[in-house]
Amino acid sequence: MSTRVAQRVASTAPWLRRLKLSKRSAGKEELQLSPSPLKLKVATAASLAGLGGLTLLGSSMPWFAQREHDAVWFGERGFLSSQRAVAFLPTGMCIGSGFLAAALGSFFPRHVDHLAIPMRFHEMLALPLSLLLAFRFQGSYDRWWKSRNSFSDLIGRTVAIAEYIASHVPAADPEELQDLEPEKREAEMEAQQIRKRFMAILEAYLVFIEERIHGPDYEPHPNSAVKDWPRGEDVIREFSEEDAEACRAGGEPIVWCSTQMLSCIHRLQELDIIDGDNGSMISSAVMQLEQVFIECMVVVVQDSPAPFIVHYRTIMIVFCFSFPFALINHVTPLLMVPLHSMITFAFLGSEYCSREMEHPFGSDEGDIPVRKIIAGGRSRIRQAGLVCS
């Protein structure tokens, strides 16, 4: 009777290789099914692939596509996105090691014991590697985040200075100027010229900062590009050709802009347009711009300490490159390559992401959009001048 049941079940489920009968302590017979290992793995892989395919299909449905929390998982920032930081040479080298281990395990199974590396070696190496990886990733992210805050602080300070000058030196009505005494009228007219000059220099100051951070031959990412981006000298030339020539002759345009802004504030104090306390406060704000600018420049010119980076990358490459020979006794050749590729992708991918975050002022899509932010700052500076005109 049991044999008939076994044959019937086997014909119904052809992916099962054999049927066994075992006896329980109670004396009842139990039907025990033992599937073929290879066919079971294939059936499991096909089931998982089908589940993933149904998930992808569901992500294209309108109800899920409109949900923000679901859409981000399948968009440009999802797990299937191609926007990744990848270095192909070290990744290919480590994955090639997995192919080699799989080939040796498949064609020379009797020699696997002589090629295997004790798992204890990688278990001990994983502790310092995990500490270095955590420190490296956190340090790179903090560097990116601090640079982003420093640069936004720089733009915010310049716009605040422009708004302060525009509000304390408002544009006067020509009819009102005619009613003033000659000396007062001349002082007001000169103050209006100083106000316009200050705004032009402040706007050019931001453009010169972008040139200094990125260099003369910088090409931004298309998402961060600004149409008709000018040079700093061209911004000053809109106000005065003489100032543009003086800025060029000065050799260091950022220093020239800072000194000229301080000179404008000092002249406004002499004309009694701004009192001493307000003049000192706005002068201090202008000088603080240099400190924030230096913080950004340090990130541009100073990389992470070389001994730390070299040591960390050496340990990571040794770990990923030799890890297939630690798995060679524990994983079948068929699973060696995908399993080791995922481990390599996890470890090396973290390093590639850290390397990209370490340089926030670049031309990648994830870098700080300096030019676009400065364009917004320039627009706000001009708007501040128009509001109080």
Protein backbone atom coordinates (compact mmCIF):
# COMPACT_ATOMS: atom_id res chain seq x y z
CA MET A 1 0.00 0.00 0.00
CA SER A 2 2.78 2.39 0.91
CA THR A 3 4.60 1.60 -2.33
CA ARG A 4 1.54 2.56 -4.37
CA VAL A 5 1.25 5.85 -2.52
CA ALA A 6 4.91 6.53 -3.12
CA GLN A 7 4.62 5.84 -6.82
CA ARG A 8 1.54 8.00 -7.11
CA VAL A 9 3.17 10.94 -5.31
CA ALA A 10 6.35 10.53 -7.35
CA SER A 11 4.39 10.68 -10.61
CA THR A 12 2.53 13.76 -9.39
CA ALA A 13 5.76 15.57 -8.28
CA PRO A 14 8.47 14.61 -10.83
CA TRP A 15 11.01 16.94 -9.20
CA LEU A 16 11.22 14.47 -6.32
CA ARG A 17 13.94 11.89 -6.87
CA ARG A 18 12.97 9.09 -4.52
CA LEU A 19 10.62 8.05 -1.73
CA LYS A 20 11.64 6.44 1.50
CA LEU A 21 9.66 4.59 4.11
CA SER A 22 10.52 4.92 7.76
CA LYS A 23 8.87 3.49 10.83
CA ARG A 24 7.95 5.52 13.86
CA SER A 25 8.18 4.19 17.37
CA ALA A 26 4.40 3.79 17.36
CA GLY A 27 4.70 1.30 14.52
CA LYS A 28 2.95 3.45 11.93
CA GLU A 29 4.58 3.91 8.55
CA GLU A 30 5.51 7.44 7.47
CA LEU A 31 6.01 8.60 3.92
CA GLN A 32 9.28 10.58 3.75
CA LEU A 33 10.01 12.53 0.57
CA SER A 34 13.63 13.20 -0.38
CA PRO A 35 13.94 15.65 -3.32
CA SER A 36 16.89 15.89 -5.67
CA PRO A 37 19.27 18.56 -4.30
CA LEU A 38 19.92 20.14 -7.68
CA LYS A 39 16.27 20.23 -8.70
CA LEU A 40 15.29 21.61 -5.31
CA LYS A 41 17.82 24.43 -5.70
CA VAL A 42 16.59 25.19 -9.19
CA ALA A 43 12.96 25.20 -8.04
CA THR A 44 13.82 27.49 -5.13
CA ALA A 45 15.77 29.88 -7.38
CA ALA A 46 12.89 29.96 -9.86
CA SER A 47 10.41 30.69 -7.07
CA LEU A 48 12.51 33.54 -5.75
CA ALA A 49 12.96 34.92 -9.25
CA GLY A 50 9.22 34.77 -9.77
CA LEU A 51 8.60 36.57 -6.49
CA GLY A 52 11.06 39.29 -7.48
CA GLY A 53 9.48 39.60 -10.91
CA LEU A 54 6.03 40.00 -9.42
CA THR A 55 7.39 42.69 -7.12
CA LEU A 56 8.90 44.60 -10.04
CA LEU A 57 5.67 44.23 -11.96
CA GLY A 58 3.75 45.58 -9.00
CA SER A 59 6.04 48.61 -8.79
CA SER A 60 4.86 49.72 -12.24
CA MET A 61 1.21 49.69 -11.22
CA PRO A 62 -0.31 53.17 -10.77
CA TRP A 63 -1.25 52.70 -7.12
CA PHE A 64 2.29 51.76 -6.09
CA ALA A 65 3.96 54.20 -8.49
CA GLN A 66 2.12 57.09 -6.84
CA ARG A 67 3.21 56.09 -3.36
CA GLU A 68 6.42 57.88 -2.43
CA HIS A 69 7.62 55.21 -0.01
CA ASP A 70 7.28 52.50 -2.67
CA ALA A 71 8.42 54.52 -5.69
CA VAL A 72 11.81 55.44 -4.22
CA TRP A 73 12.76 51.76 -3.95
CA PHE A 74 12.45 51.32 -7.72
CA GLY A 75 13.53 54.76 -8.93
CA GLU A 76 16.90 56.42 -9.46
CA ARG A 77 17.77 55.89 -5.79
CA GLY A 78 16.45 52.35 -5.51
CA PHE A 79 18.35 49.08 -5.21
CA LEU A 80 18.18 48.50 -8.98
CA SER A 81 19.62 51.90 -9.86
CA SER A 82 22.78 52.11 -11.96
CA GLN A 83 23.94 55.28 -10.20
CA ARG A 84 26.64 53.66 -8.13
CA ALA A 85 30.21 54.43 -7.18
CA VAL A 86 32.24 51.61 -8.75
CA ALA A 87 35.93 51.00 -9.43
CA PHE A 88 36.02 48.21 -11.99
CA LEU A 89 39.63 47.04 -11.64
CA PRO A 90 39.64 46.05 -7.93
CA THR A 91 36.09 44.72 -8.21
CA GLY A 92 36.95 42.62 -11.25
CA MET A 93 40.09 41.32 -9.60
CA CYS A 94 38.22 40.11 -6.51
CA ILE A 95 35.33 38.62 -8.50
CA GLY A 96 37.87 36.88 -10.74
CA SER A 97 39.27 35.23 -7.63
CA GLY A 98 35.80 33.78 -7.02
CA PHE A 99 35.66 32.38 -10.57
CA LEU A 100 39.09 30.81 -10.09
CA ALA A 101 38.07 29.17 -6.81
CA ALA A 102 34.86 27.86 -8.40
CA ALA A 103 36.78 26.40 -11.35
CA LEU A 104 39.34 24.70 -9.10
CA GLY A 105 36.60 23.27 -6.90
CA SER A 106 34.75 21.95 -9.94
CA PHE A 107 37.66 20.42 -11.91
CA PHE A 108 39.97 19.43 -9.05
CA PRO A 109 37.72 18.48 -6.13
CA ARG A 110 40.34 16.17 -4.62
CA HIS A 111 42.81 19.03 -4.24
CA VAL A 112 40.40 21.42 -2.56
CA ASP A 113 41.74 20.61 0.90
CA HIS A 114 45.22 21.70 -0.17
CA LEU A 115 43.94 25.02 -1.53
CA ALA A 116 41.56 25.94 1.28
CA ILE A 117 42.40 28.75 3.71
CA PRO A 118 41.25 28.20 7.30
CA MET A 119 38.09 30.16 8.00
CA ARG A 120 39.65 31.35 11.27
CA PHE A 121 41.95 33.65 9.28
CA HIS A 122 39.09 35.67 7.82
CA GLU A 123 37.17 35.63 11.08
CA MET A 124 40.12 37.31 12.80
CA LEU A 125 40.67 39.70 9.87
CA ALA A 126 37.00 40.72 9.88
CA LEU A 127 37.28 42.45 13.28
CA PRO A 128 39.84 45.15 12.35
CA LEU A 129 38.28 45.44 8.89
CA SER A 130 34.83 46.13 10.31
CA LEU A 131 36.24 48.80 12.65
CA LEU A 132 38.14 50.49 9.84
CA LEU A 133 35.12 50.27 7.54
CA ALA A 134 32.80 51.89 10.09
CA PHE A 135 35.29 54.66 10.86
CA ARG A 136 35.99 55.27 7.17
CA PHE A 137 32.33 55.47 6.16
CA GLN A 138 31.32 57.69 9.08
CA GLY A 139 34.30 59.99 8.59
CA SER A 140 33.57 60.40 4.89
CA TYR A 141 29.91 61.12 5.51
CA ASP A 142 30.75 63.65 8.22
CA ARG A 143 33.19 65.32 5.82
CA TRP A 144 30.48 65.58 3.15
CA TRP A 145 27.86 66.83 5.58
CA LYS A 146 30.18 69.41 7.14
CA SER A 147 31.17 70.71 3.69
CA ARG A 148 27.54 71.03 2.75
CA ASN A 149 26.77 72.98 5.94
CA SER A 150 29.85 75.19 5.54
CA PHE A 151 28.98 76.11 1.99
CA SER A 152 25.32 76.79 2.78
CA ASP A 153 26.52 78.95 5.69
CA LEU A 154 28.74 80.89 3.29
CA ILE A 155 25.84 81.60 0.92
CA GLY A 156 23.52 82.47 3.78
CA ARG A 157 26.01 84.96 5.23
CA THR A 158 26.54 86.74 1.91
CA VAL A 159 22.80 87.08 1.30
CA ALA A 160 22.32 88.37 4.87
CA ILE A 161 25.06 90.98 4.33
CA ALA A 162 23.40 92.09 1.09
CA GLU A 163 20.02 92.41 2.79
CA TYR A 164 21.57 94.38 5.66
CA ILE A 165 23.31 96.86 3.35
CA ALA A 166 20.20 97.20 1.19
CA SER A 167 18.01 97.99 4.19
CA HIS A 168 20.45 100.44 5.83
CA VAL A 169 21.30 102.23 2.60
CA PRO A 170 17.92 102.40 0.83
CA ALA A 171 17.66 103.95 -2.58
CA ALA A 172 16.54 107.56 -2.29
CA ASP A 173 13.84 109.20 -4.37
CA PRO A 174 15.35 111.79 -6.80
CA GLU A 175 12.68 114.29 -5.81
CA GLU A 176 13.58 113.90 -2.16
CA LEU A 177 17.25 114.43 -2.94
CA GLN A 178 16.44 117.80 -4.50
CA ASP A 179 15.01 118.99 -1.18
CA LEU A 180 18.21 118.18 0.75
CA GLU A 181 21.09 120.50 1.42
CA PRO A 182 23.93 120.30 -1.13
CA GLU A 183 26.34 118.46 1.20
CA LYS A 184 23.68 116.02 2.33
CA ARG A 185 22.58 115.50 -1.25
CA GLU A 186 26.11 114.65 -2.37
CA ALA A 187 26.54 112.24 0.55
CA GLU A 188 23.28 110.47 -0.34
CA MET A 189 24.21 110.21 -4.01
CA GLU A 190 27.64 108.84 -3.14
CA ALA A 191 26.03 106.34 -0.76
CA GLN A 192 23.81 105.11 -3.60
CA GLN A 193 26.87 104.49 -5.76
CA ILE A 194 28.63 102.70 -2.89
CA ARG A 195 25.55 100.56 -2.37
CA LYS A 196 25.49 99.47 -6.02
CA ARG A 197 29.22 98.86 -5.99
CA PHE A 198 29.00 96.80 -2.81
CA MET A 199 26.27 94.59 -4.28
CA ALA A 200 28.24 94.01 -7.48
CA ILE A 201 31.41 93.12 -5.56
CA LEU A 202 29.52 90.80 -3.22
CA GLU A 203 27.95 88.99 -6.15
CA ALA A 204 31.33 88.69 -7.89
CA TYR A 205 32.81 87.40 -4.64
CA LEU A 206 30.58 84.33 -4.85
CA VAL A 207 31.54 83.71 -8.48
CA PHE A 208 35.25 83.96 -7.61
CA ILE A 209 34.73 81.43 -4.80
CA GLU A 210 33.21 78.96 -7.27
CA GLU A 211 36.19 79.46 -9.60
CA ARG A 212 38.61 78.87 -6.75
CA ILE A 213 36.88 75.73 -5.49
CA HIS A 214 36.47 74.05 -8.87
CA GLY A 215 39.28 75.50 -10.94
CA PRO A 216 39.14 77.20 -14.36
CA ASP A 217 38.29 74.12 -16.48
CA TYR A 218 35.41 72.82 -14.38
CA GLU A 219 32.44 71.20 -16.12
CA PRO A 220 29.51 70.62 -13.74
CA HIS A 221 27.12 67.71 -13.85
CA PRO A 222 24.17 68.41 -16.20
CA ASN A 223 21.81 68.50 -13.22
CA SER A 224 23.97 71.21 -11.59
CA ALA A 225 24.71 73.27 -14.71
CA VAL A 226 23.69 76.93 -14.92
CA LYS A 227 23.00 78.59 -18.24
CA ASP A 228 25.18 81.59 -19.18
CA TRP A 229 27.46 81.32 -16.16
CA PRO A 230 29.66 84.47 -16.02
CA ARG A 231 33.15 85.12 -14.78
CA GLY A 232 33.69 87.19 -11.66
CA GLU A 233 35.30 89.98 -13.64
CA ASP A 234 32.27 90.17 -15.91
CA VAL A 235 29.99 90.67 -12.90
CA ILE A 236 32.12 93.59 -11.69
CA ARG A 237 32.39 94.98 -15.22
CA GLU A 238 28.61 95.41 -15.29
CA PHE A 239 29.09 98.10 -12.68
CA SER A 240 32.53 99.53 -13.45
CA GLU A 241 35.22 98.78 -16.00
CA GLU A 242 37.76 100.42 -13.71
CA ASP A 243 36.95 98.07 -10.83
CA ALA A 244 37.18 95.07 -13.15
CA GLU A 245 40.67 96.10 -14.23
CA ALA A 246 41.71 96.75 -10.63
CA CYS A 247 40.44 93.31 -9.61
CA ARG A 248 42.40 91.66 -12.40
CA ALA A 249 45.54 93.57 -11.50
CA GLY A 250 45.20 92.62 -7.83
CA GLY A 251 46.09 88.99 -8.59
CA GLU A 252 43.88 87.51 -5.85
CA PRO A 253 40.25 88.42 -6.67
CA ILE A 254 38.74 87.02 -3.47
CA VAL A 255 41.05 89.13 -1.30
CA TRP A 256 40.39 92.16 -3.50
CA CYS A 257 36.63 91.72 -3.11
CA SER A 258 36.90 91.42 0.67
CA THR A 259 39.04 94.51 1.05
CA GLN A 260 36.82 96.55 -1.24
CA MET A 261 33.70 95.55 0.67
CA LEU A 262 35.35 96.63 3.91
CA SER A 263 36.37 99.87 2.23
CA CYS A 264 32.77 100.49 1.16
CA ILE A 265 31.54 99.96 4.72
CA HIS A 266 34.19 102.32 6.07
CA ARG A 267 33.17 105.01 3.58
CA LEU A 268 29.53 104.65 4.55
CA GLN A 269 30.54 105.24 8.15
CA GLU A 270 32.42 108.37 7.16
CA LEU A 271 29.30 109.63 5.37
CA ASP A 272 27.21 108.96 8.54
CA ILE A 273 24.99 106.60 6.60
CA ILE A 274 25.90 103.71 8.92
CA ASP A 275 26.88 104.27 12.55
CA GLY A 276 29.96 102.79 14.16
CA ASP A 277 28.24 99.83 15.84
CA ASN A 278 26.46 98.67 12.71
CA GLY A 279 29.56 99.25 10.64
CA SER A 280 31.67 97.11 12.99
CA MET A 281 29.06 94.35 12.95
CA ILE A 282 28.82 94.20 9.16
CA SER A 283 32.61 94.40 8.80
CA SER A 284 32.95 91.44 11.16
CA ALA A 285 30.43 89.51 9.07
CA VAL A 286 32.44 90.19 5.92
CA MET A 287 35.66 88.99 7.56
CA GLN A 288 33.94 85.83 8.79
CA LEU A 289 33.25 84.91 5.18
CA GLU A 290 36.96 84.24 4.77
CA GLN A 291 36.94 81.74 7.61
CA VAL A 292 34.03 79.79 6.13
CA PHE A 293 35.66 79.90 2.70
CA ILE A 294 38.90 78.46 4.12
CA GLU A 295 36.93 75.60 5.70
CA CYS A 296 35.61 74.68 2.25
CA MET A 297 39.05 75.01 0.65
CA VAL A 298 40.61 72.67 3.22
CA VAL A 299 38.19 69.96 2.09
CA VAL A 300 39.15 70.63 -1.53
CA VAL A 301 42.93 70.44 -1.10
CA GLN A 302 43.29 68.04 1.84
CA ASP A 303 42.47 64.34 1.48
CA SER A 304 42.10 61.85 4.32
CA PRO A 305 45.42 60.72 5.85
CA ALA A 306 47.22 58.48 3.37
CA PRO A 307 48.53 55.88 5.91
CA PHE A 308 44.99 55.19 7.11
CA ILE A 309 43.55 54.88 3.60
CA VAL A 310 46.40 52.66 2.35
CA HIS A 311 46.18 50.37 5.38
CA TYR A 312 42.41 50.10 5.15
CA ARG A 313 42.35 49.37 1.43
CA THR A 314 45.13 46.78 1.77
CA ILE A 315 43.23 44.83 4.41
CA MET A 316 40.00 45.03 2.41
CA ILE A 317 41.59 43.79 -0.82
CA VAL A 318 43.35 40.94 1.00
CA PHE A 319 40.06 39.94 2.61
CA CYS A 320 37.93 40.05 -0.56
CA PHE A 321 40.60 38.54 -2.82
CA SER A 322 41.33 35.52 -0.62
CA PHE A 323 37.84 34.92 0.77
CA PRO A 324 36.78 32.44 -2.01
CA PHE A 325 39.48 30.02 -0.85
CA ALA A 326 38.02 30.14 2.66
CA LEU A 327 34.62 29.22 1.22
CA ILE A 328 35.89 26.54 -1.12
CA ASN A 329 35.20 23.76 1.42
CA HIS A 330 31.85 25.17 2.50
CA VAL A 331 30.17 26.30 -0.74
CA THR A 332 29.54 24.42 -3.96
CA PRO A 333 31.21 25.77 -7.13
CA LEU A 334 27.79 26.77 -8.46
CA LEU A 335 27.18 29.13 -5.53
CA MET A 336 30.76 30.34 -5.15
CA VAL A 337 30.64 33.17 -7.70
CA PRO A 338 27.27 34.77 -6.73
CA LEU A 339 27.97 34.46 -3.02
CA HIS A 340 31.47 35.92 -3.22
CA SER A 341 30.33 38.64 -5.65
CA MET A 342 27.74 39.85 -3.15
CA ILE A 343 30.35 39.94 -0.36
CA THR A 344 32.75 41.85 -2.62
CA PHE A 345 29.96 44.21 -3.66
CA ALA A 346 29.14 44.91 -0.01
CA PHE A 347 32.68 45.59 1.19
CA LEU A 348 34.18 47.35 -1.83
CA GLY A 349 30.96 49.26 -2.51
CA SER A 350 31.21 50.85 0.94
CA GLU A 351 34.74 52.01 0.14
CA TYR A 352 33.69 53.44 -3.24
CA CYS A 353 30.84 55.36 -1.58
CA SER A 354 33.25 56.66 1.07
CA ARG A 355 35.68 57.78 -1.61
CA GLU A 356 32.94 59.74 -3.39
CA MET A 357 31.69 61.40 -0.21
CA GLU A 358 35.26 62.32 0.68
CA HIS A 359 35.30 64.73 -2.29
CA PRO A 360 32.02 66.69 -2.04
CA PHE A 361 33.11 69.52 -4.37
CA GLY A 362 33.28 67.51 -7.58
CA SER A 363 31.31 67.04 -10.77
CA ASP A 364 29.34 63.92 -9.80
CA GLU A 365 25.60 64.04 -9.42
CA GLY A 366 25.80 63.44 -5.68
CA ASP A 367 28.33 66.23 -5.08
CA ILE A 368 27.36 69.62 -3.72
CA PRO A 369 25.81 71.67 -6.58
CA VAL A 370 28.01 74.68 -5.89
CA ARG A 371 27.26 76.54 -9.10
CA LYS A 372 23.49 76.14 -8.78
CA ILE A 373 23.54 77.25 -5.13
CA ILE A 374 25.65 80.29 -5.96
CA ALA A 375 23.27 81.16 -8.79
CA GLY A 376 20.46 81.18 -6.24
CA GLY A 377 22.54 83.36 -3.92
CA ARG A 378 23.28 85.83 -6.71
CA SER A 379 19.58 86.03 -7.53
CA ARG A 380 18.72 86.79 -3.91
CA ILE A 381 21.42 89.46 -3.70
CA ARG A 382 19.99 91.22 -6.74
CA GLN A 383 16.49 90.84 -5.36
CA ALA A 384 17.59 92.43 -2.08
CA GLY A 385 18.92 95.39 -4.02
CA LEU A 386 15.65 95.78 -5.93
CA VAL A 387 13.37 95.47 -2.89
CA CYS A 388 15.02 98.40 -1.15
CA SER A 389 15.35 100.49 -4.31
